[in-house]
PDB file of N, CA and C in Angstrom:
ATOM      1  N   UNK A   1      16.611 -21.562   3.091  1.00  0.00           N
ATOM      2  CA  UNK A   1      17.226 -20.491   2.126  1.00  0.00           C
ATOM      3  C   UNK A   1      16.076 -20.229   1.061  1.00  0.00           C
ATOM      4  N   UNK A   2      15.328 -21.365   0.520  1.00  0.00           N
ATOM      5  CA  UNK A   2      14.339 -20.876  -0.627  1.00  0.00           C
ATOM      6  C   UNK A   2      12.985 -20.132   0.090  1.00  0.00           C
ATOM      7  N   UNK A   3      12.746 -20.504   1.309  1.00  0.00           N
ATOM      8  CA  UNK A   3      11.707 -19.628   2.249  1.00  0.00           C
ATOM      9  C   UNK A   3      12.152 -18.441   2.217  1.00  0.00           C
ATOM     10  N   UNK A   4      13.365 -18.009   2.450  1.00  0.00           N
ATOM     11  CA  UNK A   4      13.940 -16.670   2.573  1.00  0.00           C
ATOM     12  C   UNK A   4      13.761 -16.061   1.342  1.00  0.00           C
ATOM     13  N   UNK A   5      13.869 -16.402   0.155  1.00  0.00           N
ATOM     14  CA  UNK A   5      14.117 -15.892  -1.144  1.00  0.00           C
ATOM     15  C   UNK A   5      12.643 -15.609  -1.599  1.00  0.00           C
ATOM     16  N   UNK A   6      11.706 -16.526  -1.223  1.00  0.00           N
ATOM     17  CA  UNK A   6      10.151 -16.418  -1.442  1.00  0.00           C
ATOM     18  C   UNK A   6       9.572 -15.188  -0.812  1.00  0.00           C
ATOM     19  N   UNK A   7      10.277 -15.084   0.647  1.00  0.00           N
ATOM     20  CA  UNK A   7       9.483 -14.086   1.475  1.00  0.00           C
ATOM     21  C   UNK A   7       9.900 -12.864   0.725  1.00  0.00           C
ATOM     22  N   UNK A   8      11.491 -12.769   0.526  1.00  0.00           N
ATOM     23  CA  UNK A   8      11.942 -11.761  -0.263  1.00  0.00           C
ATOM     24  C   UNK A   8      11.111 -10.987  -1.461  1.00  0.00           C
ATOM     25  N   UNK A   9      10.663 -12.047  -2.371  1.00  0.00           N
ATOM     26  CA  UNK A   9       9.797 -11.622  -3.408  1.00  0.00           C
ATOM     27  C   UNK A   9       8.686 -11.269  -3.031  1.00  0.00           C
ATOM     28  N   UNK A  10       8.003 -11.779  -2.153  1.00  0.00           N
ATOM     29  CA  UNK A  10       6.771 -11.209  -1.576  1.00  0.00           C
ATOM     30  C   UNK A  10       6.767  -9.836  -0.777  1.00  0.00           C
ATOM     31  N   UNK A  11       7.903  -9.420  -0.215  1.00  0.00           N
ATOM     32  CA  UNK A  11       8.221  -8.221   0.273  1.00  0.00           C
ATOM     33  C   UNK A  11       8.249  -7.267  -0.868  1.00  0.00           C
ATOM     34  N   UNK A  12       9.035  -7.442  -1.949  1.00  0.00           N
ATOM     35  CA  UNK A  12       9.186  -6.762  -3.255  1.00  0.00           C
ATOM     36  C   UNK A  12       7.965  -6.616  -3.929  1.00  0.00           C
ATOM     37  N   UNK A  13       7.314  -7.718  -4.067  1.00  0.00           N
ATOM     38  CA  UNK A  13       5.816  -7.398  -4.902  1.00  0.00           C
ATOM     39  C   UNK A  13       4.776  -6.620  -3.959  1.00  0.00           C
ATOM     40  N   UNK A  14       4.716  -6.563  -2.805  1.00  0.00           N
ATOM     41  CA  UNK A  14       3.949  -5.831  -2.227  1.00  0.00           C
ATOM     42  C   UNK A  14       4.443  -4.291  -2.087  1.00  0.00           C
ATOM     43  N   UNK A  15       5.846  -4.132  -2.006  1.00  0.00           N
ATOM     44  CA  UNK A  15       6.339  -2.888  -1.957  1.00  0.00           C
ATOM     45  C   UNK A  15       5.989  -2.146  -3.396  1.00  0.00           C
ATOM     46  N   UNK A  16       6.267  -2.892  -4.471  1.00  0.00           N
ATOM     47  CA  UNK A  16       5.830  -2.433  -5.741  1.00  0.00           C
ATOM     48  C   UNK A  16       4.367  -2.034  -5.794  1.00  0.00           C
ATOM     49  N   UNK A  17       3.666  -3.045  -5.414  1.00  0.00           N
ATOM     50  CA  UNK A  17       2.108  -2.839  -5.481  1.00  0.00           C
ATOM     51  C   UNK A  17       1.678  -1.462  -4.802  1.00  0.00           C
ATOM     52  N   UNK A  18       2.460  -1.220  -3.560  1.00  0.00           N
ATOM     53  CA  UNK A  18       1.868  -0.057  -2.922  1.00  0.00           C
ATOM     54  C   UNK A  18       2.369   1.216  -3.559  1.00  0.00           C
ATOM     55  N   UNK A  19       3.619   1.024  -4.198  1.00  0.00           N
ATOM     56  CA  UNK A  19       4.067   1.972  -5.038  1.00  0.00           C
ATOM     57  C   UNK A  19       3.263   2.449  -5.997  1.00  0.00           C
ATOM     58  N   UNK A  20       2.733   1.482  -6.758  1.00  0.00           N
ATOM     59  CA  UNK A  20       1.789   1.784  -7.744  1.00  0.00           C
ATOM     60  C   UNK A  20       0.255   2.356  -7.487  1.00  0.00           C
ATOM     61  N   UNK A  21       0.028   2.043  -6.311  1.00  0.00           N
ATOM     62  CA  UNK A  21      -1.316   2.447  -5.751  1.00  0.00           C
ATOM     63  C   UNK A  21      -1.199   3.949  -5.490  1.00  0.00           C
ATOM     64  N   UNK A  22      -0.061   4.220  -4.974  1.00  0.00           N
ATOM     65  CA  UNK A  22       0.385   5.746  -4.133  1.00  0.00           C
ATOM     66  C   UNK A  22       0.566   6.647  -5.248  1.00  0.00           C
ATOM     67  N   UNK A  23       0.394   6.459  -6.544  1.00  0.00           N
ATOM     68  CA  UNK A  23       0.577   7.537  -7.730  1.00  0.00           C
ATOM     69  C   UNK A  23      -0.658   8.477  -7.638  1.00  0.00           C
ATOM     70  N   UNK A  24      -1.578   7.971  -6.927  1.00  0.00           N
ATOM     71  CA  UNK A  24      -2.748   8.843  -7.255  1.00  0.00           C
ATOM     72  C   UNK A  24      -3.321   9.229  -5.692  1.00  0.00           C
ATOM     73  N   UNK A  25      -2.298   8.902  -4.789  1.00  0.00           N
ATOM     74  CA  UNK A  25      -2.645   9.413  -3.481  1.00  0.00           C
ATOM     75  C   UNK A  25      -2.965  11.017  -3.253  1.00  0.00           C
ATOM     76  N   UNK A  26      -3.887  11.333  -2.358  1.00  0.00           N
ATOM     77  CA  UNK A  26      -4.525  12.608  -2.366  1.00  0.00           C
ATOM     78  C   UNK A  26      -3.591  13.695  -2.008  1.00  0.00           C
ATOM     79  N   UNK A  27      -2.626  13.336  -0.930  1.00  0.00           N
ATOM     80  CA  UNK A  27      -1.780  14.113  -0.355  1.00  0.00           C
ATOM     81  C   UNK A  27      -0.400  14.104  -1.093  1.00  0.00           C
ATOM     82  N   UNK A  28      -0.441  13.585  -2.396  1.00  0.00           N
ATOM     83  CA  UNK A  28       0.944  13.655  -2.983  1.00  0.00           C
ATOM     84  C   UNK A  28       1.824  12.184  -3.190  1.00  0.00           C
ATOM     85  N   UNK A  29       2.419  12.129  -4.188  1.00  0.00           N
ATOM     86  CA  UNK A  29       3.245  10.913  -4.300  1.00  0.00           C
ATOM     87  C   UNK A  29       4.571  10.997  -3.894  1.00  0.00           C
ATOM     88  N   UNK A  30       5.098  11.870  -4.396  1.00  0.00           N
ATOM     89  CA  UNK A  30       6.874  12.135  -4.233  1.00  0.00           C
ATOM     90  C   UNK A  30       7.226  12.793  -2.904  1.00  0.00           C
ATOM     91  N   UNK A  31       6.219  13.810  -2.400  1.00  0.00           N
ATOM     92  CA  UNK A  31       6.453  14.384  -1.274  1.00  0.00           C
ATOM     93  C   UNK A  31       5.778  13.694  -0.052  1.00  0.00           C
ATOM     94  N   UNK A  32       4.852  12.901  -0.183  1.00  0.00           N
ATOM     95  CA  UNK A  32       4.290  12.512   1.213  1.00  0.00           C
ATOM     96  C   UNK A  32       4.218  10.923   0.977  1.00  0.00           C
ATOM     97  N   UNK A  33       3.785  10.202   0.030  1.00  0.00           N
ATOM     98  CA  UNK A  33       3.410   8.661  -0.153  1.00  0.00           C
ATOM     99  C   UNK A  33       4.754   7.970  -0.172  1.00  0.00           C
ATOM    100  N   UNK A  34       5.549   8.424  -1.034  1.00  0.00           N
ATOM    101  CA  UNK A  34       6.721   7.553  -1.457  1.00  0.00           C
ATOM    102  C   UNK A  34       7.711   7.445  -0.201  1.00  0.00           C
ATOM    103  N   UNK A  35       7.976   8.713   0.468  1.00  0.00           N
ATOM    104  CA  UNK A  35       8.884   8.779   1.547  1.00  0.00           C
ATOM    105  C   UNK A  35       8.599   8.053   2.795  1.00  0.00           C
ATOM    106  N   UNK A  36       7.418   8.108   3.230  1.00  0.00           N
ATOM    107  CA  UNK A  36       6.419   7.410   4.211  1.00  0.00           C
ATOM    108  C   UNK A  36       6.605   5.974   3.984  1.00  0.00           C
ATOM    109  N   UNK A  37       6.375   5.429   2.738  1.00  0.00           N
ATOM    110  CA  UNK A  37       6.414   4.000   2.373  1.00  0.00           C
ATOM    111  C   UNK A  37       7.860   3.639   2.561  1.00  0.00           C
ATOM    112  N   UNK A  38       8.730   4.360   2.255  1.00  0.00           N
ATOM    113  CA  UNK A  38      10.261   3.773   2.082  1.00  0.00           C
ATOM    114  C   UNK A  38      10.755   3.683   3.692  1.00  0.00           C
ATOM    115  N   UNK A  39      10.164   4.660   4.301  1.00  0.00           N
ATOM    116  CA  UNK A  39      10.490   4.700   5.709  1.00  0.00           C
ATOM    117  C   UNK A  39       9.944   3.567   6.619  1.00  0.00           C
ATOM    118  N   UNK A  40       8.657   3.164   5.902  1.00  0.00           N
ATOM    119  CA  UNK A  40       8.009   2.050   6.838  1.00  0.00           C
ATOM    120  C   UNK A  40       8.794   0.561   6.497  1.00  0.00           C
ATOM    121  N   UNK A  41       8.858   0.501   5.275  1.00  0.00           N
ATOM    122  CA  UNK A  41       9.683  -0.651   4.724  1.00  0.00           C
ATOM    123  C   UNK A  41      11.035  -0.802   5.350  1.00  0.00           C
ATOM    124  N   UNK A  42      11.857   0.311   5.455  1.00  0.00           N
ATOM    125  CA  UNK A  42      13.145   0.483   5.785  1.00  0.00           C
ATOM    126  C   UNK A  42      13.172   0.093   7.439  1.00  0.00           C
ATOM    127  N   UNK A  43      12.175   0.405   8.156  1.00  0.00           N
ATOM    128  CA  UNK A  43      12.052   0.074   9.725  1.00  0.00           C
ATOM    129  C   UNK A  43      12.079  -1.316  10.062  1.00  0.00           C
ATOM    130  N   UNK A  44      11.423  -2.105   8.891  1.00  0.00           N
ATOM    131  CA  UNK A  44      11.392  -3.403   9.202  1.00  0.00           C
ATOM    132  C   UNK A  44      12.297  -4.242   8.182  1.00  0.00           C
ATOM    133  N   UNK A  45      13.466  -3.411   7.789  1.00  0.00           N
ATOM    134  CA  UNK A  45      14.528  -4.434   6.834  1.00  0.00           C
ATOM    135  C   UNK A  45      15.092  -5.097   7.741  1.00  0.00           C
ATOM    136  N   UNK A  46      15.317  -5.166   9.018  1.00  0.00           N
ATOM    137  CA  UNK A  46      16.407  -5.926   9.737  1.00  0.00           C
ATOM    138  C   UNK A  46      15.759  -7.175  10.099  1.00  0.00           C
ATOM    139  N   UNK A  47      14.509  -7.225  10.034  1.00  0.00           N
ATOM    140  CA  UNK A  47      13.967  -8.447  10.308  1.00  0.00           C
ATOM    141  C   UNK A  47      14.511  -9.899  10.014  1.00  0.00           C
ATOM    142  N   UNK A  48      14.621 -10.688  10.829  1.00  0.00           N
ATOM    143  CA  UNK A  48      14.977 -11.935  10.361  1.00  0.00           C
ATOM    144  C   UNK A  48      14.256 -13.292  10.632  1.00  0.00           C
ATOM    145  N   UNK A  49      13.361 -13.112  11.542  1.00  0.00           N
ATOM    146  CA  UNK A  49      12.560 -14.193  11.871  1.00  0.00           C
ATOM    147  C   UNK A  49      11.359 -14.094  10.797  1.00  0.00           C
ATOM    148  N   UNK A  50      11.321 -15.503  10.198  1.00  0.00           N
ATOM    149  CA  UNK A  50      10.125 -15.690   9.091  1.00  0.00           C
ATOM    150  C   UNK A  50       8.533 -15.021   9.366  1.00  0.00           C
ATOM    151  N   UNK A  51       8.263 -15.513  10.551  1.00  0.00           N
ATOM    152  CA  UNK A  51       7.090 -15.134  11.243  1.00  0.00           C
ATOM    153  C   UNK A  51       6.981 -13.822  11.216  1.00  0.00           C
ATOM    154  N   UNK A  52       7.731 -12.981  11.793  1.00  0.00           N
ATOM    155  CA  UNK A  52       7.858 -11.640  11.948  1.00  0.00           C
ATOM    156  C   UNK A  52       7.587 -11.085  10.521  1.00  0.00           C
ATOM    157  N   UNK A  53       8.428 -11.455   9.522  1.00  0.00           N
ATOM    158  CA  UNK A  53       8.358 -11.003   8.080  1.00  0.00           C
ATOM    159  C   UNK A  53       6.897 -11.186   7.311  1.00  0.00           C
ATOM    160  N   UNK A  54       6.550 -12.423   7.666  1.00  0.00           N
ATOM    161  CA  UNK A  54       5.160 -12.659   7.254  1.00  0.00           C
ATOM    162  C   UNK A  54       4.025 -11.766   7.886  1.00  0.00           C
ATOM    163  N   UNK A  55       4.276 -11.470   9.111  1.00  0.00           N
ATOM    164  CA  UNK A  55       3.366 -10.563   9.846  1.00  0.00           C
ATOM    165  C   UNK A  55       3.410  -9.087   8.958  1.00  0.00           C
ATOM    166  N   UNK A  56       4.715  -8.788   8.704  1.00  0.00           N
ATOM    167  CA  UNK A  56       4.750  -7.584   8.151  1.00  0.00           C
ATOM    168  C   UNK A  56       4.320  -7.510   6.857  1.00  0.00           C
ATOM    169  N   UNK A  57       4.172  -8.560   5.960  1.00  0.00           N
ATOM    170  CA  UNK A  57       3.844  -8.678   4.800  1.00  0.00           C
ATOM    171  C   UNK A  57       2.070  -8.669   4.850  1.00  0.00           C
ATOM    172  N   UNK A  58       1.563  -9.207   5.792  1.00  0.00           N
ATOM    173  CA  UNK A  58       0.128  -9.127   6.198  1.00  0.00           C
ATOM    174  C   UNK A  58      -0.256  -7.826   6.311  1.00  0.00           C
ATOM    175  N   UNK A  59       0.523  -7.063   7.163  1.00  0.00           N
ATOM    176  CA  UNK A  59       0.077  -5.817   7.485  1.00  0.00           C
ATOM    177  C   UNK A  59       0.353  -4.742   6.180  1.00  0.00           C
ATOM    178  N   UNK A  60       1.435  -4.983   5.517  1.00  0.00           N
ATOM    179  CA  UNK A  60       1.120  -4.133   4.240  1.00  0.00           C
ATOM    180  C   UNK A  60      -0.017  -4.499   3.274  1.00  0.00           C
ATOM    181  N   UNK A  61      -0.273  -5.770   3.124  1.00  0.00           N
ATOM    182  CA  UNK A  61      -1.427  -5.950   2.509  1.00  0.00           C
ATOM    183  C   UNK A  61      -2.810  -5.394   2.852  1.00  0.00           C
ATOM    184  N   UNK A  62      -2.850  -5.412   4.146  1.00  0.00           N
ATOM    185  CA  UNK A  62      -3.982  -4.434   4.870  1.00  0.00           C
ATOM    186  C   UNK A  62      -3.998  -3.120   4.405  1.00  0.00           C
ATOM    187  N   UNK A  63      -2.753  -2.610   4.516  1.00  0.00           N
ATOM    188  CA  UNK A  63      -2.604  -1.139   3.895  1.00  0.00           C
ATOM    189  C   UNK A  63      -3.128  -0.822   2.485  1.00  0.00           C
ATOM    190  N   UNK A  64      -2.601  -1.779   1.614  1.00  0.00           N
ATOM    191  CA  UNK A  64      -2.997  -1.895   0.173  1.00  0.00           C
ATOM    192  C   UNK A  64      -4.546  -2.008   0.310  1.00  0.00           C
ATOM    193  N   UNK A  65      -5.340  -2.671   0.810  1.00  0.00           N
ATOM    194  CA  UNK A  65      -6.615  -2.805   0.682  1.00  0.00           C
ATOM    195  C   UNK A  65      -7.238  -1.523   1.245  1.00  0.00           C
ATOM    196  N   UNK A  66      -6.675  -0.842   2.429  1.00  0.00           N
ATOM    197  CA  UNK A  66      -7.296   0.472   2.837  1.00  0.00           C
ATOM    198  C   UNK A  66      -7.325   1.581   1.852  1.00  0.00           C
ATOM    199  N   UNK A  67      -6.143   1.559   1.010  1.00  0.00           N
ATOM    200  CA  UNK A  67      -5.845   2.585  -0.065  1.00  0.00           C
ATOM    201  C   UNK A  67      -6.820   2.229  -1.027  1.00  0.00           C
ATOM    202  N   UNK A  68      -6.843   0.873  -1.437  1.00  0.00           N
ATOM    203  CA  UNK A  68      -7.921   0.718  -2.601  1.00  0.00           C
ATOM    204  C   UNK A  68      -9.400   1.041  -2.026  1.00  0.00           C
ATOM    205  N   UNK A  69      -9.744   0.987  -0.900  1.00  0.00           N
ATOM    206  CA  UNK A  69     -11.005   1.407  -0.356  1.00  0.00           C
ATOM    207  C   UNK A  69     -10.935   2.916  -0.498  1.00  0.00           C
ATOM    208  N   UNK A  70     -10.099   3.608  -0.088  1.00  0.00           N
ATOM    209  CA  UNK A  70     -10.000   5.111  -0.321  1.00  0.00           C
ATOM    210  C   UNK A  70     -10.158   5.372  -1.612  1.00  0.00           C
ATOM    211  N   UNK A  71      -9.565   4.914  -2.802  1.00  0.00           N
ATOM    212  CA  UNK A  71      -9.886   5.152  -3.895  1.00  0.00           C
ATOM    213  C   UNK A  71     -11.247   4.879  -4.413  1.00  0.00           C
ATOM    214  N   UNK A  72     -11.983   3.560  -4.024  1.00  0.00           N
ATOM    215  CA  UNK A  72     -13.264   3.300  -4.464  1.00  0.00           C
ATOM    216  C   UNK A  72     -14.110   4.463  -4.150  1.00  0.00           C
ATOM    217  N   UNK A  73     -13.937   4.897  -2.592  1.00  0.00           N
ATOM    218  CA  UNK A  73     -14.783   5.747  -2.256  1.00  0.00           C
ATOM    219  C   UNK A  73     -14.629   7.068  -2.807  1.00  0.00           C
ATOM    220  N   UNK A  74     -13.390   7.695  -3.221  1.00  0.00           N
ATOM    221  CA  UNK A  74     -13.425   8.645  -4.118  1.00  0.00           C
ATOM    222  C   UNK A  74     -14.067   8.781  -5.266  1.00  0.00           C
ATOM    223  N   UNK A  75     -13.870   7.440  -6.056  1.00  0.00           N
ATOM    224  CA  UNK A  75     -14.507   7.448  -7.325  1.00  0.00           C
ATOM    225  C   UNK A  75     -16.070   7.453  -7.374  1.00  0.00           C
ATOM    226  N   UNK A  76     -16.660   6.667  -5.919  1.00  0.00           N
ATOM    227  CA  UNK A  76     -17.958   6.696  -5.615  1.00  0.00           C
ATOM    228  C   UNK A  76     -18.556   8.088  -5.432  1.00  0.00           C
ATOM    229  N   UNK A  77     -17.792   8.857  -4.726  1.00  0.00           N
ATOM    230  CA  UNK A  77     -18.365  10.301  -4.407  1.00  0.00           C
ATOM    231  C   UNK A  77     -18.149  11.194  -5.654  1.00  0.00           C
ATOM    232  N   UNK A  78     -17.170  10.840  -6.292  1.00  0.00           N
ATOM    233  CA  UNK A  78     -17.161  11.767  -7.865  1.00  0.00           C
ATOM    234  C   UNK A  78     -18.258  11.383  -8.608  1.00  0.00           C
ATOM    235  N   UNK A  79     -18.597  10.017  -8.896  1.00  0.00           N
ATOM    236  CA  UNK A  79     -19.592   9.860  -9.652  1.00  0.00           C
ATOM    237  C   UNK A  79     -21.195  10.205  -8.982  1.00  0.00           C
ATOM    238  N   UNK A  80     -21.220  10.115  -7.828  1.00  0.00           N
ATOM    239  CA  UNK A  80     -22.484  10.585  -7.196  1.00  0.00           C
ATOM    240  C   UNK A  80     -22.633  11.970  -7.415  1.00  0.00           C
ATOM    241  N   UNK A  81     -21.587  12.681  -7.205  1.00  0.00           N
ATOM    242  CA  UNK A  81     -21.761  14.126  -7.130  1.00  0.00           C
ATOM    243  C   UNK A  81     -22.117  14.301  -8.764  1.00  0.00           C
ATOM    244  N   UNK A  82     -21.519  13.618  -9.771  1.00  0.00           N
ATOM    245  CA  UNK A  82     -21.830  13.983 -11.208  1.00  0.00           C
ATOM    246  C   UNK A  82     -23.169  13.653 -11.441  1.00  0.00           C
ATOM    247  N   UNK A  83     -23.711  12.568 -10.932  1.00  0.00           N
ATOM    248  CA  UNK A  83     -25.064  12.155 -11.559  1.00  0.00           C
ATOM    249  C   UNK A  83     -26.384  12.304 -10.563  1.00  0.00           C
ATOM    250  N   UNK A  84     -25.878  12.786  -9.491  1.00  0.00           N
ATOM    251  CA  UNK A  84     -26.890  13.214  -8.524  1.00  0.00           C
ATOM    252  C   UNK A  84     -27.745  14.351  -9.034  1.00  0.00           C
ATOM    253  N   UNK A  85     -29.272  14.329  -8.976  1.00  0.00           N
ATOM    254  CA  UNK A  85     -29.931  15.322  -9.561  1.00  0.00           C
ATOM    255  C   UNK A  85     -30.044  16.611  -8.436  1.00  0.00           C
ATOM    256  N   UNK A  86     -29.955  17.778  -8.596  1.00  0.00           N
ATOM    257  CA  UNK A  86     -29.933  18.951  -7.813  1.00  0.00           C
ATOM    258  C   UNK A  86     -31.392  18.636  -7.173  1.00  0.00           C
ATOM    259  N   UNK A  87     -31.644  19.003  -5.762  1.00  0.00           N
ATOM    260  CA  UNK A  87     -33.066  19.233  -5.387  1.00  0.00           C
ATOM    261  C   UNK A  87     -33.382  20.801  -5.233  1.00  0.00           C
TER     262      UNK A  87
END
């Protein structure tokens, strides 16, 4: 039971982190990111096996890293455009 509660908190934690990261998503938060995130988590809501739940958490962590990389790239491009000298 304690392991299940720990996994539940991990799932909630990663869901909240993804919601937080999605606020600045280029295609929009309310109309694109949030419904897709909810749908993805709802699709896996029936999982009972702890190994499958951990695998889902790892997949969510991977998506989180990809979104962070997207934001870093966006920031890099904006700074490069701002500070590059025109030729």
